[in-house]
Amino acid sequence: IGKTFRGIKGRYKVVKLLGKQGAMGLVFLAETTSKPKTKVVIKFAK
């Protein structure tokens, strides 16, 4: 949370952990660092 991660197309800042989590991954709400800021979901291996 609060960290920025680099994707192939852009950079994303993690905002918070989202509710119910799956067995295989951790899912976070994030937003693009470029404007206009857009909400996205980022999934990492659990």
All heavy atoms as atom14 arrays in JSON, in Angstrom:
{
  "sequence": "IGKTFRGIKGRYKVVKLLGKQGAMGLVFLAETTSKPKTKVVIKFAK",
  "atom14_mask": [
    [1, 1, 1, 1, 1, 1, 1, 1, 0, 0, 0, 0, 0, 0],
    [1, 1, 1, 1, 0, 0, 0, 0, 0, 0, 0, 0, 0, 0],
    [1, 1, 1, 1, 1, 1, 1, 1, 1, 0, 0, 0, 0, 0],
    [1, 1, 1, 1, 1, 1, 1, 0, 0, 0, 0, 0, 0, 0],
    [1, 1, 1, 1, 1, 1, 1, 1, 1, 1, 1, 0, 0, 0],
    [1, 1, 1, 1, 1, 1, 1, 1, 1, 1, 1, 0, 0, 0],
    [1, 1, 1, 1, 0, 0, 0, 0, 0, 0, 0, 0, 0, 0],
    [1, 1, 1, 1, 1, 1, 1, 1, 0, 0, 0, 0, 0, 0],
    [1, 1, 1, 1, 1, 1, 1, 1, 1, 0, 0, 0, 0, 0],
    [1, 1, 1, 1, 0, 0, 0, 0, 0, 0, 0, 0, 0, 0],
    [1, 1, 1, 1, 1, 1, 1, 1, 1, 1, 1, 0, 0, 0],
    [1, 1, 1, 1, 1, 1, 1, 1, 1, 1, 1, 1, 0, 0],
    [1, 1, 1, 1, 1, 1, 1, 1, 1, 0, 0, 0, 0, 0],
    [1, 1, 1, 1, 1, 1, 1, 0, 0, 0, 0, 0, 0, 0],
    [1, 1, 1, 1, 1, 1, 1, 0, 0, 0, 0, 0, 0, 0],
    [1, 1, 1, 1, 1, 1, 1, 1, 1, 0, 0, 0, 0, 0],
    [1, 1, 1, 1, 1, 1, 1, 1, 0, 0, 0, 0, 0, 0],
    [1, 1, 1, 1, 1, 1, 1, 1, 0, 0, 0, 0, 0, 0],
    [1, 1, 1, 1, 0, 0, 0, 0, 0, 0, 0, 0, 0, 0],
    [1, 1, 1, 1, 1, 1, 1, 1, 1, 0, 0, 0, 0, 0],
    [1, 1, 1, 1, 1, 1, 1, 1, 1, 0, 0, 0, 0, 0],
    [1, 1, 1, 1, 0, 0, 0, 0, 0, 0, 0, 0, 0, 0],
    [1, 1, 1, 1, 1, 0, 0, 0, 0, 0, 0, 0, 0, 0],
    [1, 1, 1, 1, 1, 1, 1, 1, 0, 0, 0, 0, 0, 0],
    [1, 1, 1, 1, 0, 0, 0, 0, 0, 0, 0, 0, 0, 0],
    [1, 1, 1, 1, 1, 1, 1, 1, 0, 0, 0, 0, 0, 0],
    [1, 1, 1, 1, 1, 1, 1, 0, 0, 0, 0, 0, 0, 0],
    [1, 1, 1, 1, 1, 1, 1, 1, 1, 1, 1, 0, 0, 0],
    [1, 1, 1, 1, 1, 1, 1, 1, 0, 0, 0, 0, 0, 0],
    [1, 1, 1, 1, 1, 0, 0, 0, 0, 0, 0, 0, 0, 0],
    [1, 1, 1, 1, 1, 1, 1, 1, 1, 0, 0, 0, 0, 0],
    [1, 1, 1, 1, 1, 1, 1, 0, 0, 0, 0, 0, 0, 0],
    [1, 1, 1, 1, 1, 1, 1, 0, 0, 0, 0, 0, 0, 0],
    [1, 1, 1, 1, 1, 1, 0, 0, 0, 0, 0, 0, 0, 0],
    [1, 1, 1, 1, 1, 1, 1, 1, 1, 0, 0, 0, 0, 0],
    [1, 1, 1, 1, 1, 1, 1, 0, 0, 0, 0, 0, 0, 0],
    [1, 1, 1, 1, 1, 1, 1, 1, 1, 0, 0, 0, 0, 0],
    [1, 1, 1, 1, 1, 1, 1, 0, 0, 0, 0, 0, 0, 0],
    [1, 1, 1, 1, 1, 1, 1, 1, 1, 0, 0, 0, 0, 0],
    [1, 1, 1, 1, 1, 1, 1, 0, 0, 0, 0, 0, 0, 0],
    [1, 1, 1, 1, 1, 1, 1, 0, 0, 0, 0, 0, 0, 0],
    [1, 1, 1, 1, 1, 1, 1, 1, 0, 0, 0, 0, 0, 0],
    [1, 1, 1, 1, 1, 1, 1, 1, 1, 0, 0, 0, 0, 0],
    [1, 1, 1, 1, 1, 1, 1, 1, 1, 1, 1, 0, 0, 0],
    [1, 1, 1, 1, 1, 0, 0, 0, 0, 0, 0, 0, 0, 0],
    [1, 1, 1, 1, 1, 1, 1, 1, 1, 0, 0, 0, 0, 0]
  ],
  "atom14_positions": [
    [[0.83, -1.2, 0.0], [0.0, 0.0, 0.0], [0.88, 1.26, 0.0], [1.8, 1.39, 0.79], [-0.96, -0.01, 1.21], [-1.91, -1.21, 1.09], [-1.74, 1.29, 1.29], [-2.78, -1.44, 2.29], [0.0, 0.0, 0.0], [0.0, 0.0, 0.0], [0.0, 0.0, 0.0], [0.0, 0.0, 0.0], [0.0, 0.0, 0.0], [0.0, 0.0, 0.0]],
    [[0.56, 2.15, -0.94], [1.32, 3.39, -1.07], [2.5, 3.28, -2.02], [3.1, 4.3, -2.38], [0.0, 0.0, 0.0], [0.0, 0.0, 0.0], [0.0, 0.0, 0.0], [0.0, 0.0, 0.0], [0.0, 0.0, 0.0], [0.0, 0.0, 0.0], [0.0, 0.0, 0.0], [0.0, 0.0, 0.0], [0.0, 0.0, 0.0], [0.0, 0.0, 0.0]],
    [[2.85, 2.08, -2.44], [3.99, 1.88, -3.33], [3.55, 1.99, -4.79], [2.4, 1.73, -5.13], [4.65, 0.53, -3.07], [5.26, 0.41, -1.67], [6.02, -0.89, -1.53], [6.63, -1.02, -0.15], [7.6, 0.05, 0.13], [0.0, 0.0, 0.0], [0.0, 0.0, 0.0], [0.0, 0.0, 0.0], [0.0, 0.0, 0.0], [0.0, 0.0, 0.0]],
    [[4.5, 2.36, -5.63], [4.24, 2.49, -7.06], [4.94, 1.37, -7.81], [6.1, 1.05, -7.55], [4.73, 3.86, -7.58], [4.01, 4.89, -6.9], [4.48, 3.99, -9.08], [0.0, 0.0, 0.0], [0.0, 0.0, 0.0], [0.0, 0.0, 0.0], [0.0, 0.0, 0.0], [0.0, 0.0, 0.0], [0.0, 0.0, 0.0], [0.0, 0.0, 0.0]],
    [[4.23, 0.75, -8.76], [4.77, -0.36, -9.53], [4.73, -0.02, -11.02], [3.79, 0.62, -11.5], [3.97, -1.63, -9.25], [4.1, -2.12, -7.84], [3.27, -1.63, -6.84], [5.06, -3.06, -7.49], [3.39, -2.07, -5.53], [5.19, -3.5, -6.19], [4.35, -3.01, -5.2], [0.0, 0.0, 0.0], [0.0, 0.0, 0.0], [0.0, 0.0, 0.0]],
    [[5.77, -0.49, -11.72], [5.9, -0.17, -13.14], [5.35, -1.31, -14.0], [5.78, -2.46, -13.89], [7.37, 0.06, -13.49], [7.6, 0.49, -14.95], [9.08, 0.53, -15.28], [9.78, 1.49, -14.46], [9.88, 2.79, -14.74], [9.31, 3.26, -15.84], [10.54, 3.6, -13.94], [0.0, 0.0, 0.0], [0.0, 0.0, 0.0], [0.0, 0.0, 0.0]],
    [[4.39, -0.96, -14.84], [3.88, -1.91, -15.82], [4.5, -1.65, -17.18], [5.31, -0.74, -17.34], [0.0, 0.0, 0.0], [0.0, 0.0, 0.0], [0.0, 0.0, 0.0], [0.0, 0.0, 0.0], [0.0, 0.0, 0.0], [0.0, 0.0, 0.0], [0.0, 0.0, 0.0], [0.0, 0.0, 0.0], [0.0, 0.0, 0.0], [0.0, 0.0, 0.0]],
    [[4.13, -2.45, -18.15], [4.65, -2.27, -19.51], [4.12, -0.96, -20.11], [4.82, -0.24, -20.8], [4.26, -3.46, -20.4], [4.94, -4.74, -19.9], [4.62, -3.2, -21.86], [4.48, -6.0, -20.6], [0.0, 0.0, 0.0], [0.0, 0.0, 0.0], [0.0, 0.0, 0.0], [0.0, 0.0, 0.0], [0.0, 0.0, 0.0], [0.0, 0.0, 0.0]],
    [[2.85, -0.65, -19.8], [2.21, 0.52, -20.39], [2.18, 1.74, -19.48], [1.92, 2.86, -19.95], [0.77, 0.17, -20.79], [0.65, -0.98, -21.77], [-0.8, -1.31, -22.01], [-0.97, -2.5, -22.94], [-2.41, -2.86, -23.11], [0.0, 0.0, 0.0], [0.0, 0.0, 0.0], [0.0, 0.0, 0.0], [0.0, 0.0, 0.0], [0.0, 0.0, 0.0]],
    [[2.36, 1.55, -18.18], [2.26, 2.7, -17.27], [2.68, 2.34, -15.85], [3.17, 1.24, -15.59], [0.0, 0.0, 0.0], [0.0, 0.0, 0.0], [0.0, 0.0, 0.0], [0.0, 0.0, 0.0], [0.0, 0.0, 0.0], [0.0, 0.0, 0.0], [0.0, 0.0, 0.0], [0.0, 0.0, 0.0], [0.0, 0.0, 0.0], [0.0, 0.0, 0.0]],
    [[2.49, 3.3, -14.95], [2.85, 3.11, -13.54], [1.58, 3.2, -12.69], [0.67, 3.97, -13.0], [3.87, 4.16, -13.1], [5.21, 4.03, -13.81], [6.07, 5.27, -13.61], [6.45, 5.47, -12.22], [7.55, 4.97, -11.65], [8.39, 4.24, -12.38], [7.85, 5.22, -10.4], [0.0, 0.0, 0.0], [0.0, 0.0, 0.0], [0.0, 0.0, 0.0]],
    [[1.58, 2.41, -11.6], [0.36, 2.28, -10.8], [0.71, 2.38, -9.31], [1.62, 1.7, -8.84], [-0.33, 0.95, -11.09], [-0.51, 0.72, -12.57], [0.46, 0.06, -13.32], [-1.63, 1.22, -13.22], [0.3, -0.11, -14.68], [-1.79, 1.05, -14.59], [-0.82, 0.39, -15.31], [-0.97, 0.22, -16.66], [0.0, 0.0, 0.0], [0.0, 0.0, 0.0]],
    [[-0.05, 3.21, -8.59], [0.16, 3.37, -7.16], [-0.92, 2.6, -6.41], [-2.12, 2.81, -6.63], [0.11, 4.85, -6.77], [0.42, 5.09, -5.29], [0.43, 6.57, -4.96], [0.76, 6.81, -3.49], [0.8, 8.25, -3.16], [0.0, 0.0, 0.0], [0.0, 0.0, 0.0], [0.0, 0.0, 0.0], [0.0, 0.0, 0.0], [0.0, 0.0, 0.0]],
    [[-0.5, 1.7, -5.53], [-1.43, 0.87, -4.77], [-2.1, 1.71, -3.69], [-1.44, 2.41, -2.93], [-0.71, -0.35, -4.15], [-1.66, -1.13, -3.25], [-0.16, -1.24, -5.25], [0.0, 0.0, 0.0], [0.0, 0.0, 0.0], [0.0, 0.0, 0.0], [0.0, 0.0, 0.0], [0.0, 0.0, 0.0], [0.0, 0.0, 0.0], [0.0, 0.0, 0.0]],
    [[-3.44, 1.62, -3.62], [-4.22, 2.43, -2.67], [-4.63, 1.61, -1.45], [-4.43, 2.01, -0.31], [-5.47, 3.01, -3.36], [-6.33, 3.77, -2.36], [-5.06, 3.91, -4.52], [0.0, 0.0, 0.0], [0.0, 0.0, 0.0], [0.0, 0.0, 0.0], [0.0, 0.0, 0.0], [0.0, 0.0, 0.0], [0.0, 0.0, 0.0], [0.0, 0.0, 0.0]],
    [[-5.23, 0.43, -1.69], [-5.69, -0.39, -0.57], [-5.94, -1.83, -1.02], [-6.09, -2.1, -2.22], [-6.96, 0.18, 0.04], [-8.18, 0.12, -0.88], [-9.42, 0.65, -0.18], [-10.65, 0.55, -1.08], [-11.89, 1.03, -0.42], [0.0, 0.0, 0.0], [0.0, 0.0, 0.0], [0.0, 0.0, 0.0], [0.0, 0.0, 0.0], [0.0, 0.0, 0.0]],
    [[-5.96, -2.71, -0.03], [-6.29, -4.11, -0.28], [-7.8, -4.2, -0.47], [-8.56, -3.61, 0.29], [-5.86, -4.96, 0.91], [-5.95, -6.49, 0.77], [-4.95, -7.0, -0.26], [-5.69, -7.14, 2.13], [0.0, 0.0, 0.0], [0.0, 0.0, 0.0], [0.0, 0.0, 0.0], [0.0, 0.0, 0.0], [0.0, 0.0, 0.0], [0.0, 0.0, 0.0]],
    [[-8.23, -4.92, -1.5], [-9.66, -5.06, -1.74], [-10.23, -6.21, -0.92], [-9.52, -7.17, -0.6], [-9.93, -5.28, -3.22], [-9.72, -4.04, -4.1], [-9.91, -4.39, -5.56], [-10.68, -2.92, -3.7], [0.0, 0.0, 0.0], [0.0, 0.0, 0.0], [0.0, 0.0, 0.0], [0.0, 0.0, 0.0], [0.0, 0.0, 0.0], [0.0, 0.0, 0.0]],
    [[-11.53, -6.12, -0.62], [-12.26, -7.06, 0.24], [-11.85, -8.5, 0.26], [-10.81, -8.87, 0.77], [0.0, 0.0, 0.0], [0.0, 0.0, 0.0], [0.0, 0.0, 0.0], [0.0, 0.0, 0.0], [0.0, 0.0, 0.0], [0.0, 0.0, 0.0], [0.0, 0.0, 0.0], [0.0, 0.0, 0.0], [0.0, 0.0, 0.0], [0.0, 0.0, 0.0]],
    [[-12.68, -9.35, -0.34], [-12.5, -10.79, -0.28], [-11.37, -11.21, -1.21], [-11.35, -10.86, -2.38], [-13.8, -11.48, -0.68], [-14.02, -12.81, -0.02], [-15.45, -13.25, -0.23], [-15.7, -14.57, 0.46], [-17.1, -15.03, 0.25], [0.0, 0.0, 0.0], [0.0, 0.0, 0.0], [0.0, 0.0, 0.0], [0.0, 0.0, 0.0], [0.0, 0.0, 0.0]],
    [[-10.43, -11.98, -0.69], [-9.26, -12.39, -1.47], [-9.38, -13.83, -1.93], [-9.97, -14.67, -1.25], [-7.99, -12.22, -0.63], [-7.72, -10.78, -0.22], [-7.41, -9.88, -1.4], [-6.61, -10.2, -2.26], [-8.07, -8.73, -1.45], [0.0, 0.0, 0.0], [0.0, 0.0, 0.0], [0.0, 0.0, 0.0], [0.0, 0.0, 0.0], [0.0, 0.0, 0.0]],
    [[-8.82, -14.12, -3.1], [-8.84, -15.48, -3.62], [-7.73, -16.33, -3.02], [-6.91, -15.86, -2.25], [0.0, 0.0, 0.0], [0.0, 0.0, 0.0], [0.0, 0.0, 0.0], [0.0, 0.0, 0.0], [0.0, 0.0, 0.0], [0.0, 0.0, 0.0], [0.0, 0.0, 0.0], [0.0, 0.0, 0.0], [0.0, 0.0, 0.0], [0.0, 0.0, 0.0]],
    [[-7.73, -17.59, -3.43], [-6.76, -18.54, -2.87], [-5.37, -18.34, -3.46], [-4.37, -18.64, -2.82], [-7.23, -19.97, -3.12], [0.0, 0.0, 0.0], [0.0, 0.0, 0.0], [0.0, 0.0, 0.0], [0.0, 0.0, 0.0], [0.0, 0.0, 0.0], [0.0, 0.0, 0.0], [0.0, 0.0, 0.0], [0.0, 0.0, 0.0], [0.0, 0.0, 0.0]],
    [[-5.3, -17.8, -4.68], [-4.02, -17.73, -5.38], [-3.41, -16.34, -5.41], [-2.21, -16.21, -5.61], [-4.2, -18.21, -6.83], [-4.76, -19.61, -6.99], [-3.7, -20.88, -6.28], [-2.33, -20.86, -7.41], [0.0, 0.0, 0.0], [0.0, 0.0, 0.0], [0.0, 0.0, 0.0], [0.0, 0.0, 0.0], [0.0, 0.0, 0.0], [0.0, 0.0, 0.0]],
    [[-4.22, -15.3, -5.22], [-3.68, -13.96, -5.4], [-4.11, -12.96, -4.35], [-5.08, -13.17, -3.61], [0.0, 0.0, 0.0], [0.0, 0.0, 0.0], [0.0, 0.0, 0.0], [0.0, 0.0, 0.0], [0.0, 0.0, 0.0], [0.0, 0.0, 0.0], [0.0, 0.0, 0.0], [0.0, 0.0, 0.0], [0.0, 0.0, 0.0], [0.0, 0.0, 0.0]],
    [[-3.37, -11.85, -4.27], [-3.71, -10.7, -3.45], [-4.14, -9.59, -4.4], [-3.4, -9.24, -5.33], [-2.51, -10.25, -2.61], [-2.14, -11.14, -1.42], [-0.85, -10.64, -0.78], [-3.26, -11.16, -0.39], [0.0, 0.0, 0.0], [0.0, 0.0, 0.0], [0.0, 0.0, 0.0], [0.0, 0.0, 0.0], [0.0, 0.0, 0.0], [0.0, 0.0, 0.0]],
    [[-5.31, -9.02, -4.15], [-5.89, -8.06, -5.07], [-6.01, -6.69, -4.41], [-6.56, -6.57, -3.31], [-7.28, -8.54, -5.55], [-7.86, -7.56, -6.56], [-7.17, -9.93, -6.17], [0.0, 0.0, 0.0], [0.0, 0.0, 0.0], [0.0, 0.0, 0.0], [0.0, 0.0, 0.0], [0.0, 0.0, 0.0], [0.0, 0.0, 0.0], [0.0, 0.0, 0.0]],
    [[-5.49, -5.67, -5.09], [-5.46, -4.32, -4.55], [-6.15, -3.33, -5.48], [-6.12, -3.49, -6.71], [-4.02, -3.84, -4.37], [-3.21, -4.61, -3.36], [-2.57, -5.78, -3.72], [-3.08, -4.15, -2.06], [-1.82, -6.5, -2.8], [-2.34, -4.86, -1.12], [-1.7, -6.03, -1.5], [0.0, 0.0, 0.0], [0.0, 0.0, 0.0], [0.0, 0.0, 0.0]],
    [[-6.73, -2.3, -4.88], [-7.17, -1.15, -5.66], [-5.95, -0.27, -5.87], [-5.16, -0.06, -4.95], [-8.25, -0.37, -4.9], [-8.68, 0.96, -5.54], [-9.4, 0.71, -6.86], [-9.58, 1.74, -4.58], [0.0, 0.0, 0.0], [0.0, 0.0, 0.0], [0.0, 0.0, 0.0], [0.0, 0.0, 0.0], [0.0, 0.0, 0.0], [0.0, 0.0, 0.0]],
    [[-5.77, 0.22, -7.09], [-4.65, 1.11, -7.4], [-5.14, 2.2, -8.34], [-6.29, 2.18, -8.78], [-3.5, 0.31, -8.02], [0.0, 0.0, 0.0], [0.0, 0.0, 0.0], [0.0, 0.0, 0.0], [0.0, 0.0, 0.0], [0.0, 0.0, 0.0], [0.0, 0.0, 0.0], [0.0, 0.0, 0.0], [0.0, 0.0, 0.0], [0.0, 0.0, 0.0]],
    [[-4.26, 3.14, -8.64], [-4.61, 4.18, -9.6], [-3.39, 4.49, -10.46], [-2.25, 4.32, -10.04], [-5.11, 5.44, -8.9], [-4.12, 6.09, -7.97], [-4.69, 7.3, -7.24], [-5.93, 7.45, -7.25], [-3.9, 8.08, -6.67], [0.0, 0.0, 0.0], [0.0, 0.0, 0.0], [0.0, 0.0, 0.0], [0.0, 0.0, 0.0], [0.0, 0.0, 0.0]],
    [[-3.67, 4.93, -11.67], [-2.58, 5.3, -12.57], [-1.9, 6.56, -12.03], [-2.55, 7.41, -11.43], [-3.1, 5.57, -13.98], [-4.1, 6.59, -13.92], [-3.73, 4.31, -14.59], [0.0, 0.0, 0.0], [0.0, 0.0, 0.0], [0.0, 0.0, 0.0], [0.0, 0.0, 0.0], [0.0, 0.0, 0.0], [0.0, 0.0, 0.0], [0.0, 0.0, 0.0]],
    [[-0.6, 6.66, -12.24], [0.11, 7.86, -11.79], [0.01, 8.98, -12.81], [0.2, 10.15, -12.48], [1.6, 7.55, -11.52], [2.19, 7.04, -12.73], [1.74, 6.53, -10.42], [0.0, 0.0, 0.0], [0.0, 0.0, 0.0], [0.0, 0.0, 0.0], [0.0, 0.0, 0.0], [0.0, 0.0, 0.0], [0.0, 0.0, 0.0], [0.0, 0.0, 0.0]],
    [[-0.3, 8.63, -14.04], [-0.47, 9.66, -15.09], [-1.89, 10.21, -15.03], [-2.83, 9.53, -14.59], [-0.21, 9.05, -16.46], [-1.08, 7.96, -16.71], [0.0, 0.0, 0.0], [0.0, 0.0, 0.0], [0.0, 0.0, 0.0], [0.0, 0.0, 0.0], [0.0, 0.0, 0.0], [0.0, 0.0, 0.0], [0.0, 0.0, 0.0], [0.0, 0.0, 0.0]],
    [[-2.07, 11.43, -15.46], [-3.38, 12.07, -15.45], [-4.08, 11.85, -16.79], [-3.44, 11.81, -17.83], [-3.23, 13.56, -15.14], [-2.71, 13.82, -13.74], [-2.63, 15.3, -13.45], [-2.12, 15.55, -12.03], [-2.05, 16.99, -11.7], [0.0, 0.0, 0.0], [0.0, 0.0, 0.0], [0.0, 0.0, 0.0], [0.0, 0.0, 0.0], [0.0, 0.0, 0.0]],
    [[-5.42, 11.71, -16.79], [-6.28, 11.68, -15.61], [-6.1, 10.36, -14.84], [-5.99, 9.29, -15.45], [-7.69, 11.77, -16.21], [-7.55, 11.16, -17.57], [-6.18, 11.53, -18.04], [0.0, 0.0, 0.0], [0.0, 0.0, 0.0], [0.0, 0.0, 0.0], [0.0, 0.0, 0.0], [0.0, 0.0, 0.0], [0.0, 0.0, 0.0], [0.0, 0.0, 0.0]],
    [[-6.04, 10.44, -13.52], [-5.85, 9.24, -12.71], [-7.07, 8.33, -12.84], [-8.21, 8.78, -12.75], [-5.61, 9.62, -11.25], [-4.28, 10.31, -11.03], [-3.98, 10.53, -9.57], [-2.59, 11.15, -9.38], [-2.26, 11.35, -7.96], [0.0, 0.0, 0.0], [0.0, 0.0, 0.0], [0.0, 0.0, 0.0], [0.0, 0.0, 0.0], [0.0, 0.0, 0.0]],
    [[-6.77, 7.07, -13.06], [-7.83, 6.08, -13.28], [-7.68, 4.94, -12.29], [-6.57, 4.45, -12.05], [-7.74, 5.52, -14.72], [-7.79, 6.6, -15.65], [-8.88, 4.55, -15.0], [0.0, 0.0, 0.0], [0.0, 0.0, 0.0], [0.0, 0.0, 0.0], [0.0, 0.0, 0.0], [0.0, 0.0, 0.0], [0.0, 0.0, 0.0], [0.0, 0.0, 0.0]],
    [[-8.8, 4.51, -11.71], [-8.78, 3.38, -10.8], [-8.56, 2.08, -11.59], [-9.17, 1.89, -12.65], [-10.1, 3.28, -10.03], [-10.31, 4.36, -9.0], [-11.63, 4.15, -8.27], [-11.87, 5.21, -7.22], [-13.17, 5.0, -6.52], [0.0, 0.0, 0.0], [0.0, 0.0, 0.0], [0.0, 0.0, 0.0], [0.0, 0.0, 0.0], [0.0, 0.0, 0.0]],
    [[-7.71, 1.22, -11.06], [-7.47, -0.1, -11.65], [-7.37, -1.1, -10.51], [-7.36, -0.75, -9.34], [-6.17, -0.13, -12.49], [-6.28, 0.79, -13.68], [-4.96, 0.21, -11.62], [0.0, 0.0, 0.0], [0.0, 0.0, 0.0], [0.0, 0.0, 0.0], [0.0, 0.0, 0.0], [0.0, 0.0, 0.0], [0.0, 0.0, 0.0], [0.0, 0.0, 0.0]],
    [[-7.29, -2.37, -10.87], [-7.07, -3.45, -9.9], [-5.75, -4.12, -10.23], [-5.47, -4.41, -11.4], [-8.22, -4.48, -9.95], [-7.89, -5.7, -9.11], [-9.51, -3.85, -9.46], [0.0, 0.0, 0.0], [0.0, 0.0, 0.0], [0.0, 0.0, 0.0], [0.0, 0.0, 0.0], [0.0, 0.0, 0.0], [0.0, 0.0, 0.0], [0.0, 0.0, 0.0]],
    [[-4.92, -4.33, -9.21], [-3.65, -5.04, -9.39], [-3.67, -6.33, -8.6], [-4.06, -6.34, -7.42], [-2.44, -4.19, -8.93], [-2.28, -2.95, -9.8], [-1.16, -5.01, -9.0], [-1.0, -2.18, -9.53], [0.0, 0.0, 0.0], [0.0, 0.0, 0.0], [0.0, 0.0, 0.0], [0.0, 0.0, 0.0], [0.0, 0.0, 0.0], [0.0, 0.0, 0.0]],
    [[-3.28, -7.4, -9.25], [-3.24, -8.72, -8.61], [-1.81, -9.23, -8.57], [-1.14, -9.29, -9.6], [-4.13, -9.7, -9.37], [-4.24, -11.08, -8.72], [-5.26, -11.94, -9.46], [-5.51, -13.25, -8.75], [-6.53, -14.07, -9.46], [0.0, 0.0, 0.0], [0.0, 0.0, 0.0], [0.0, 0.0, 0.0], [0.0, 0.0, 0.0], [0.0, 0.0, 0.0]],
    [[-1.36, -9.6, -7.37], [-0.05, -10.2, -7.16], [-0.23, -11.65, -6.72], [-1.29, -12.02, -6.2], [0.72, -9.47, -6.05], [1.07, -8.05, -6.34], [0.16, -7.02, -6.08], [2.3, -7.72, -6.88], [0.48, -5.7, -6.34], [2.63, -6.4, -7.14], [1.72, -5.39, -6.87], [0.0, 0.0, 0.0], [0.0, 0.0, 0.0], [0.0, 0.0, 0.0]],
    [[0.79, -12.46, -6.91], [0.76, -13.82, -6.37], [0.68, -13.73, -4.85], [1.36, -12.91, -4.23], [2.0, -14.59, -6.8], [0.0, 0.0, 0.0], [0.0, 0.0, 0.0], [0.0, 0.0, 0.0], [0.0, 0.0, 0.0], [0.0, 0.0, 0.0], [0.0, 0.0, 0.0], [0.0, 0.0, 0.0], [0.0, 0.0, 0.0], [0.0, 0.0, 0.0]],
    [[-0.16, -14.57, -4.25], [-0.39, -14.5, -2.81], [0.84, -14.9, -2.01], [1.09, -14.4, -0.92], [-1.57, -15.4, -2.43], [-2.16, -15.13, -1.07], [-3.5, -15.83, -0.91], [-4.22, -15.38, 0.35], [-5.56, -16.0, 0.46], [0.0, 0.0, 0.0], [0.0, 0.0, 0.0], [0.0, 0.0, 0.0], [0.0, 0.0, 0.0], [0.0, 0.0, 0.0]]
  ]
}
